[in-house]
Amino acid sequence: MIRVGILGGTFDPIHFGHLRSAVEVRECLGLDELRLVPNARPPHRDRPGATAQQRLEMVCLATASDDQLLVDDCELRRERPSYTVETLEALRAELGPDATLFLIVGWDAFCGLPGWHRWESLLELASLVVLQRPEQDQELPEVLKDLLAARSVSTPEAMKATHGEILCLAQTPLAISATHIRALISAGRSPRFLLPDAVLGYIETRGLYRSPN
């Protein structure tokens, strides 16, 4: 029975924080593969600074040396906003009912889950892996407190179902954000060692994120 993780994001640009989280989840859960899914037009976020094709190419460059990190462009092929539940439905149809799917989200995203399109259907399709940070301070809505009480498991080893469970997983704290990387580039400063060299080279060659002034 295949075990697949799904990590969606704008990846504008992809950086070592994304990649380290992906590797840690893959190892903790014993995944057969982890799919990085770039968002096309995220309904909850501002328009990305790079085009969808550029962000896809950067993710491909970042993962080229790891054959267990796969790039899935399913959301980029849609001519409308990206909804996670539709991505999970497509993956469930592709992989079948016996596949074990894990949707990986950060703590802030989890706190905002009730605002997602058809959010209550997510656990009918996959289990949730919520990445925790030491400094997280956002309060959970009551509906999510109830959901955690009913669905959470305490360890990766306890996750046995193909869907419907929630695991809160501590991760290595890396204070890296795409927003900060874009700001550095816009200010004419180097973001080296915050993201893979291949991605930085791509950004520099194409002049991405530079200030228009």
C-alpha atoms as a PDB file:
ATOM      1  CA  MET A   1       0.000   0.000   0.000  1.00  0.00           C
ATOM      2  CA  ILE A   2       1.637   3.225  -1.170  1.00  0.00           C
ATOM      3  CA  ARG A   3       2.135   6.088   1.286  1.00  0.00           C
ATOM      4  CA  VAL A   4       2.194   9.535  -0.306  1.00  0.00           C
ATOM      5  CA  GLY A   5       2.689  12.982   1.217  1.00  0.00           C
ATOM      6  CA  ILE A   6       1.382  16.162  -0.416  1.00  0.00           C
ATOM      7  CA  LEU A   7       3.016  19.512   0.304  1.00  0.00           C
ATOM      8  CA  GLY A   8       1.387  22.374  -1.553  1.00  0.00           C
ATOM      9  CA  GLY A   9       2.633  25.918  -1.682  1.00  0.00           C
ATOM     10  CA  THR A  10       3.214  28.995  -3.747  1.00  0.00           C
ATOM     11  CA  PHE A  11       6.983  28.299  -3.643  1.00  0.00           C
ATOM     12  CA  ASP A  12       7.735  31.904  -4.610  1.00  0.00           C
ATOM     13  CA  PRO A  13      10.568  30.925  -4.413  1.00  0.00           C
ATOM     14  CA  ILE A  14      11.105  27.455  -2.970  1.00  0.00           C
ATOM     15  CA  HIS A  15      13.736  27.476  -0.199  1.00  0.00           C
ATOM     16  CA  PHE A  16      15.483  25.239   2.323  1.00  0.00           C
ATOM     17  CA  GLY A  17      12.632  25.599   4.832  1.00  0.00           C
ATOM     18  CA  HIS A  18      10.243  23.927   2.380  1.00  0.00           C
ATOM     19  CA  LEU A  19      12.761  21.247   1.452  1.00  0.00           C
ATOM     20  CA  ARG A  20      13.806  20.422   5.020  1.00  0.00           C
ATOM     21  CA  SER A  21      10.164  20.051   6.082  1.00  0.00           C
ATOM     22  CA  ALA A  22       9.529  17.745   3.131  1.00  0.00           C
ATOM     23  CA  VAL A  23      12.486  15.502   3.961  1.00  0.00           C
ATOM     24  CA  GLU A  24      11.663  15.326   7.682  1.00  0.00           C
ATOM     25  CA  VAL A  25       8.027  14.376   7.055  1.00  0.00           C
ATOM     26  CA  ARG A  26       9.033  11.793   4.473  1.00  0.00           C
ATOM     27  CA  GLU A  27      11.426  10.141   6.912  1.00  0.00           C
ATOM     28  CA  CYS A  28       9.137  10.349   9.972  1.00  0.00           C
ATOM     29  CA  LEU A  29       6.180   8.787   8.147  1.00  0.00           C
ATOM     30  CA  GLY A  30       8.116   6.338   5.987  1.00  0.00           C
ATOM     31  CA  LEU A  31       6.625   7.756   2.790  1.00  0.00           C
ATOM     32  CA  ASP A  32       7.164   6.132  -0.568  1.00  0.00           C
ATOM     33  CA  GLU A  33       7.062   9.548  -2.176  1.00  0.00           C
ATOM     34  CA  LEU A  34       6.389  13.151  -1.297  1.00  0.00           C
ATOM     35  CA  ARG A  35       4.775  15.383  -3.897  1.00  0.00           C
ATOM     36  CA  LEU A  36       5.453  19.095  -4.005  1.00  0.00           C
ATOM     37  CA  VAL A  37       2.433  20.787  -5.581  1.00  0.00           C
ATOM     38  CA  PRO A  38       2.945  24.401  -6.708  1.00  0.00           C
ATOM     39  CA  ASN A  39      -0.248  26.470  -6.504  1.00  0.00           C
ATOM     40  CA  ALA A  40      -1.398  28.206  -9.670  1.00  0.00           C
ATOM     41  CA  ARG A  41      -3.683  30.941  -8.349  1.00  0.00           C
ATOM     42  CA  PRO A  42      -3.943  30.470  -4.575  1.00  0.00           C
ATOM     43  CA  PRO A  43      -7.356  31.830  -3.481  1.00  0.00           C
ATOM     44  CA  HIS A  44      -6.098  32.805  -0.008  1.00  0.00           C
ATOM     45  CA  ARG A  45      -2.926  34.662  -1.022  1.00  0.00           C
ATOM     46  CA  ASP A  46      -1.681  37.588  -3.089  1.00  0.00           C
ATOM     47  CA  ARG A  47      -0.645  37.030  -6.688  1.00  0.00           C
ATOM     48  CA  PRO A  48       2.831  35.396  -6.797  1.00  0.00           C
ATOM     49  CA  GLY A  49       5.863  37.424  -7.856  1.00  0.00           C
ATOM     50  CA  ALA A  50       7.072  34.807 -10.353  1.00  0.00           C
ATOM     51  CA  THR A  51       4.908  33.176 -13.003  1.00  0.00           C
ATOM     52  CA  ALA A  52       3.463  29.713 -12.474  1.00  0.00           C
ATOM     53  CA  GLN A  53       5.910  28.268 -15.006  1.00  0.00           C
ATOM     54  CA  GLN A  54       8.883  29.939 -13.319  1.00  0.00           C
ATOM     55  CA  ARG A  55       7.861  28.672  -9.887  1.00  0.00           C
ATOM     56  CA  LEU A  56       7.413  25.165 -11.298  1.00  0.00           C
ATOM     57  CA  GLU A  57      10.866  25.270 -12.880  1.00  0.00           C
ATOM     58  CA  MET A  58      12.427  26.429  -9.591  1.00  0.00           C
ATOM     59  CA  VAL A  59      10.800  23.540  -7.700  1.00  0.00           C
ATOM     60  CA  CYS A  60      12.094  21.104 -10.328  1.00  0.00           C
ATOM     61  CA  LEU A  61      15.611  22.510  -9.944  1.00  0.00           C
ATOM     62  CA  ALA A  62      15.430  22.307  -6.142  1.00  0.00           C
ATOM     63  CA  THR A  63      14.377  18.641  -6.122  1.00  0.00           C
ATOM     64  CA  ALA A  64      16.426  17.336  -9.050  1.00  0.00           C
ATOM     65  CA  SER A  65      18.869  15.429  -6.817  1.00  0.00           C
ATOM     66  CA  ASP A  66      16.207  13.604  -4.735  1.00  0.00           C
ATOM     67  CA  ASP A  67      14.117  11.000  -6.553  1.00  0.00           C
ATOM     68  CA  GLN A  68      11.671  10.676  -3.636  1.00  0.00           C
ATOM     69  CA  LEU A  69      10.654  14.328  -3.863  1.00  0.00           C
ATOM     70  CA  LEU A  70       8.331  14.527  -6.847  1.00  0.00           C
ATOM     71  CA  VAL A  71       6.950  17.646  -8.490  1.00  0.00           C
ATOM     72  CA  ASP A  72       3.237  17.514  -9.353  1.00  0.00           C
ATOM     73  CA  ASP A  73       1.933  20.267 -11.635  1.00  0.00           C
ATOM     74  CA  CYS A  74      -1.737  19.236 -11.397  1.00  0.00           C
ATOM     75  CA  GLU A  75      -2.841  22.619  -9.997  1.00  0.00           C
ATOM     76  CA  LEU A  76      -0.951  24.554 -12.657  1.00  0.00           C
ATOM     77  CA  ARG A  77      -2.951  22.794 -15.353  1.00  0.00           C
ATOM     78  CA  ARG A  78      -6.204  24.252 -14.021  1.00  0.00           C
ATOM     79  CA  GLU A  79      -7.573  27.429 -15.549  1.00  0.00           C
ATOM     80  CA  ARG A  80      -8.906  28.697 -12.207  1.00  0.00           C
ATOM     81  CA  PRO A  81      -7.943  29.097  -8.525  1.00  0.00           C
ATOM     82  CA  SER A  82      -6.288  26.159  -6.761  1.00  0.00           C
ATOM     83  CA  TYR A  83      -8.364  24.333  -4.156  1.00  0.00           C
ATOM     84  CA  THR A  84      -6.608  21.705  -2.063  1.00  0.00           C
ATOM     85  CA  VAL A  85      -9.674  19.488  -1.777  1.00  0.00           C
ATOM     86  CA  GLU A  86      -9.823  19.158  -5.572  1.00  0.00           C
ATOM     87  CA  THR A  87      -6.142  18.227  -5.675  1.00  0.00           C
ATOM     88  CA  LEU A  88      -6.738  15.516  -3.079  1.00  0.00           C
ATOM     89  CA  GLU A  89      -9.737  14.216  -5.019  1.00  0.00           C
ATOM     90  CA  ALA A  90      -7.595  13.958  -8.148  1.00  0.00           C
ATOM     91  CA  LEU A  91      -4.810  12.157  -6.275  1.00  0.00           C
ATOM     92  CA  ARG A  92      -7.268   9.780  -4.624  1.00  0.00           C
ATOM     93  CA  ALA A  93      -8.727   8.951  -8.042  1.00  0.00           C
ATOM     94  CA  GLU A  94      -5.219   8.422  -9.433  1.00  0.00           C
ATOM     95  CA  LEU A  95      -3.838   6.303  -6.579  1.00  0.00           C
ATOM     96  CA  GLY A  96      -6.971   4.430  -5.513  1.00  0.00           C
ATOM     97  CA  PRO A  97      -8.781   3.855  -2.213  1.00  0.00           C
ATOM     98  CA  ASP A  98      -5.994   1.774  -0.657  1.00  0.00           C
ATOM     99  CA  ALA A  99      -3.344   4.495  -0.882  1.00  0.00           C
ATOM    100  CA  THR A 100      -2.483   6.346   2.324  1.00  0.00           C
ATOM    101  CA  LEU A 101      -2.429  10.095   1.710  1.00  0.00           C
ATOM    102  CA  PHE A 102      -0.971  12.739   4.017  1.00  0.00           C
ATOM    103  CA  LEU A 103      -1.666  16.433   3.470  1.00  0.00           C
ATOM    104  CA  ILE A 104       1.150  18.483   5.018  1.00  0.00           C
ATOM    105  CA  VAL A 105       0.301  21.965   6.306  1.00  0.00           C
ATOM    106  CA  GLY A 106       1.945  24.523   8.554  1.00  0.00           C
ATOM    107  CA  TRP A 107       0.431  25.590  11.873  1.00  0.00           C
ATOM    108  CA  ASP A 108      -0.789  28.945  10.544  1.00  0.00           C
ATOM    109  CA  ALA A 109      -2.496  27.253   7.597  1.00  0.00           C
ATOM    110  CA  PHE A 110      -4.098  24.719   9.929  1.00  0.00           C
ATOM    111  CA  CYS A 111      -5.456  27.513  12.142  1.00  0.00           C
ATOM    112  CA  GLY A 112      -7.117  29.001   9.057  1.00  0.00           C
ATOM    113  CA  LEU A 113      -8.534  25.701   7.826  1.00  0.00           C
ATOM    114  CA  PRO A 114     -12.218  26.625   8.373  1.00  0.00           C
ATOM    115  CA  GLY A 115     -11.803  29.284   5.683  1.00  0.00           C
ATOM    116  CA  TRP A 116     -10.720  26.757   3.054  1.00  0.00           C
ATOM    117  CA  HIS A 117     -13.040  25.591   0.278  1.00  0.00           C
ATOM    118  CA  ARG A 118     -14.876  22.425   1.441  1.00  0.00           C
ATOM    119  CA  TRP A 119     -12.421  22.056   4.293  1.00  0.00           C
ATOM    120  CA  GLU A 120     -14.465  19.438   6.128  1.00  0.00           C
ATOM    121  CA  SER A 121     -13.977  17.072   3.176  1.00  0.00           C
ATOM    122  CA  LEU A 122     -10.181  17.083   3.493  1.00  0.00           C
ATOM    123  CA  LEU A 123     -10.085  14.335   6.124  1.00  0.00           C
ATOM    124  CA  GLU A 124     -12.352  12.161   3.976  1.00  0.00           C
ATOM    125  CA  LEU A 125      -9.516  12.070   1.457  1.00  0.00           C
ATOM    126  CA  ALA A 126      -6.278  12.254   3.465  1.00  0.00           C
ATOM    127  CA  SER A 127      -4.776  12.519   6.916  1.00  0.00           C
ATOM    128  CA  LEU A 128      -3.318  15.833   8.056  1.00  0.00           C
ATOM    129  CA  VAL A 129       0.257  16.382   9.178  1.00  0.00           C
ATOM    130  CA  VAL A 130       0.512  19.745  10.936  1.00  0.00           C
ATOM    131  CA  LEU A 131       4.033  21.154  11.145  1.00  0.00           C
ATOM    132  CA  GLN A 132       4.671  22.892  14.439  1.00  0.00           C
ATOM    133  CA  ARG A 133       7.137  25.678  15.226  1.00  0.00           C
ATOM    134  CA  PRO A 134       8.527  26.468  18.693  1.00  0.00           C
ATOM    135  CA  GLU A 135       7.306  30.092  18.500  1.00  0.00           C
ATOM    136  CA  GLN A 136       3.779  29.429  17.274  1.00  0.00           C
ATOM    137  CA  ASP A 137       1.255  31.528  19.156  1.00  0.00           C
ATOM    138  CA  GLN A 138      -1.845  31.579  16.984  1.00  0.00           C
ATOM    139  CA  GLU A 139      -4.918  30.369  18.857  1.00  0.00           C
ATOM    140  CA  LEU A 140      -6.932  27.510  17.402  1.00  0.00           C
ATOM    141  CA  PRO A 141     -10.627  28.087  16.678  1.00  0.00           C
ATOM    142  CA  GLU A 142     -12.937  25.951  18.828  1.00  0.00           C
ATOM    143  CA  VAL A 143     -14.010  23.861  15.841  1.00  0.00           C
ATOM    144  CA  LEU A 144     -10.390  22.823  15.281  1.00  0.00           C
ATOM    145  CA  LYS A 145      -9.844  22.083  18.967  1.00  0.00           C
ATOM    146  CA  ASP A 146     -12.784  19.686  18.739  1.00  0.00           C
ATOM    147  CA  LEU A 147     -11.402  18.197  15.530  1.00  0.00           C
ATOM    148  CA  LEU A 148      -8.001  17.591  17.126  1.00  0.00           C
ATOM    149  CA  ALA A 149      -9.601  15.988  20.161  1.00  0.00           C
ATOM    150  CA  ALA A 150     -11.479  13.565  17.915  1.00  0.00           C
ATOM    151  CA  ARG A 151      -8.885  12.831  15.223  1.00  0.00           C
ATOM    152  CA  SER A 152      -5.357  13.405  16.545  1.00  0.00           C
ATOM    153  CA  VAL A 153      -2.779  10.669  17.039  1.00  0.00           C
ATOM    154  CA  SER A 154       0.308  11.065  19.202  1.00  0.00           C
ATOM    155  CA  THR A 155       3.057   9.511  17.085  1.00  0.00           C
ATOM    156  CA  PRO A 156       3.793   8.806  13.411  1.00  0.00           C
ATOM    157  CA  GLU A 157       3.690   5.081  14.171  1.00  0.00           C
ATOM    158  CA  ALA A 158       0.075   5.430  15.326  1.00  0.00           C
ATOM    159  CA  MET A 159      -1.093   6.622  11.908  1.00  0.00           C
ATOM    160  CA  LYS A 160      -2.632   3.468  10.442  1.00  0.00           C
ATOM    161  CA  ALA A 161      -5.616   4.675   8.395  1.00  0.00           C
ATOM    162  CA  THR A 162      -5.602   5.695   4.737  1.00  0.00           C
ATOM    163  CA  HIS A 163      -7.175   9.037   5.733  1.00  0.00           C
ATOM    164  CA  GLY A 164      -8.959  10.846   8.561  1.00  0.00           C
ATOM    165  CA  GLU A 165      -6.198  11.244  11.174  1.00  0.00           C
ATOM    166  CA  ILE A 166      -4.236  14.291  12.364  1.00  0.00           C
ATOM    167  CA  LEU A 167      -0.627  14.336  13.539  1.00  0.00           C
ATOM    168  CA  CYS A 168       1.086  17.428  14.941  1.00  0.00           C
ATOM    169  CA  LEU A 169       4.776  17.098  14.121  1.00  0.00           C
ATOM    170  CA  ALA A 170       7.643  19.208  15.439  1.00  0.00           C
ATOM    171  CA  GLN A 171      10.138  20.267  12.791  1.00  0.00           C
ATOM    172  CA  THR A 172      13.641  21.668  12.726  1.00  0.00           C
ATOM    173  CA  PRO A 173      13.202  25.428  13.230  1.00  0.00           C
ATOM    174  CA  LEU A 174      14.519  27.252  10.164  1.00  0.00           C
ATOM    175  CA  ALA A 175      13.659  30.945  10.148  1.00  0.00           C
ATOM    176  CA  ILE A 176      13.451  31.184   6.359  1.00  0.00           C
ATOM    177  CA  SER A 177      10.570  32.686   4.430  1.00  0.00           C
ATOM    178  CA  ALA A 178       9.958  33.372   0.756  1.00  0.00           C
ATOM    179  CA  THR A 179       8.813  36.878   1.712  1.00  0.00           C
ATOM    180  CA  HIS A 180      12.194  37.600   3.302  1.00  0.00           C
ATOM    181  CA  ILE A 181      14.067  36.171   0.311  1.00  0.00           C
ATOM    182  CA  ARG A 182      12.103  38.364  -2.090  1.00  0.00           C
ATOM    183  CA  ALA A 183      12.754  41.410   0.106  1.00  0.00           C
ATOM    184  CA  LEU A 184      16.498  40.720   0.148  1.00  0.00           C
ATOM    185  CA  ILE A 185      16.625  40.453  -3.635  1.00  0.00           C
ATOM    186  CA  SER A 186      14.512  43.578  -4.068  1.00  0.00           C
ATOM    187  CA  ALA A 187      16.949  45.455  -1.808  1.00  0.00           C
ATOM    188  CA  GLY A 188      19.945  44.260  -3.829  1.00  0.00           C
ATOM    189  CA  ARG A 189      21.155  41.859  -1.129  1.00  0.00           C
ATOM    190  CA  SER A 190      22.067  38.188  -1.501  1.00  0.00           C
ATOM    191  CA  PRO A 191      19.785  35.374  -0.259  1.00  0.00           C
ATOM    192  CA  ARG A 192      22.548  32.789  -0.684  1.00  0.00           C
ATOM    193  CA  PHE A 193      22.391  29.801   1.714  1.00  0.00           C
ATOM    194  CA  LEU A 194      18.644  30.345   2.206  1.00  0.00           C
ATOM    195  CA  LEU A 195      17.756  28.421  -0.943  1.00  0.00           C
ATOM    196  CA  PRO A 196      19.495  25.999  -3.332  1.00  0.00           C
ATOM    197  CA  ASP A 197      22.211  27.464  -5.543  1.00  0.00           C
ATOM    198  CA  ALA A 198      20.414  26.204  -8.659  1.00  0.00           C
ATOM    199  CA  VAL A 199      17.306  28.158  -7.670  1.00  0.00           C
ATOM    200  CA  LEU A 200      19.320  31.284  -6.878  1.00  0.00           C
ATOM    201  CA  GLY A 201      21.052  31.032 -10.251  1.00  0.00           C
ATOM    202  CA  TYR A 202      17.674  30.756 -11.970  1.00  0.00           C
ATOM    203  CA  ILE A 203      16.393  33.845 -10.134  1.00  0.00           C
ATOM    204  CA  GLU A 204      19.486  35.876 -10.974  1.00  0.00           C
ATOM    205  CA  THR A 205      19.524  34.854 -14.637  1.00  0.00           C
ATOM    206  CA  ARG A 206      15.893  35.913 -15.104  1.00  0.00           C
ATOM    207  CA  GLY A 207      16.007  38.978 -12.881  1.00  0.00           C
ATOM    208  CA  LEU A 208      13.168  37.767 -10.660  1.00  0.00           C
ATOM    209  CA  TYR A 209      12.024  39.751  -7.610  1.00  0.00           C
ATOM    210  CA  ARG A 210      14.219  42.757  -8.402  1.00  0.00           C
ATOM    211  CA  SER A 211      13.027  46.218  -7.464  1.00  0.00           C
ATOM    212  CA  PRO A 212      11.658  48.086 -10.499  1.00  0.00           C
ATOM    213  CA  ASN A 213      13.527  51.226  -9.404  1.00  0.00           C
END
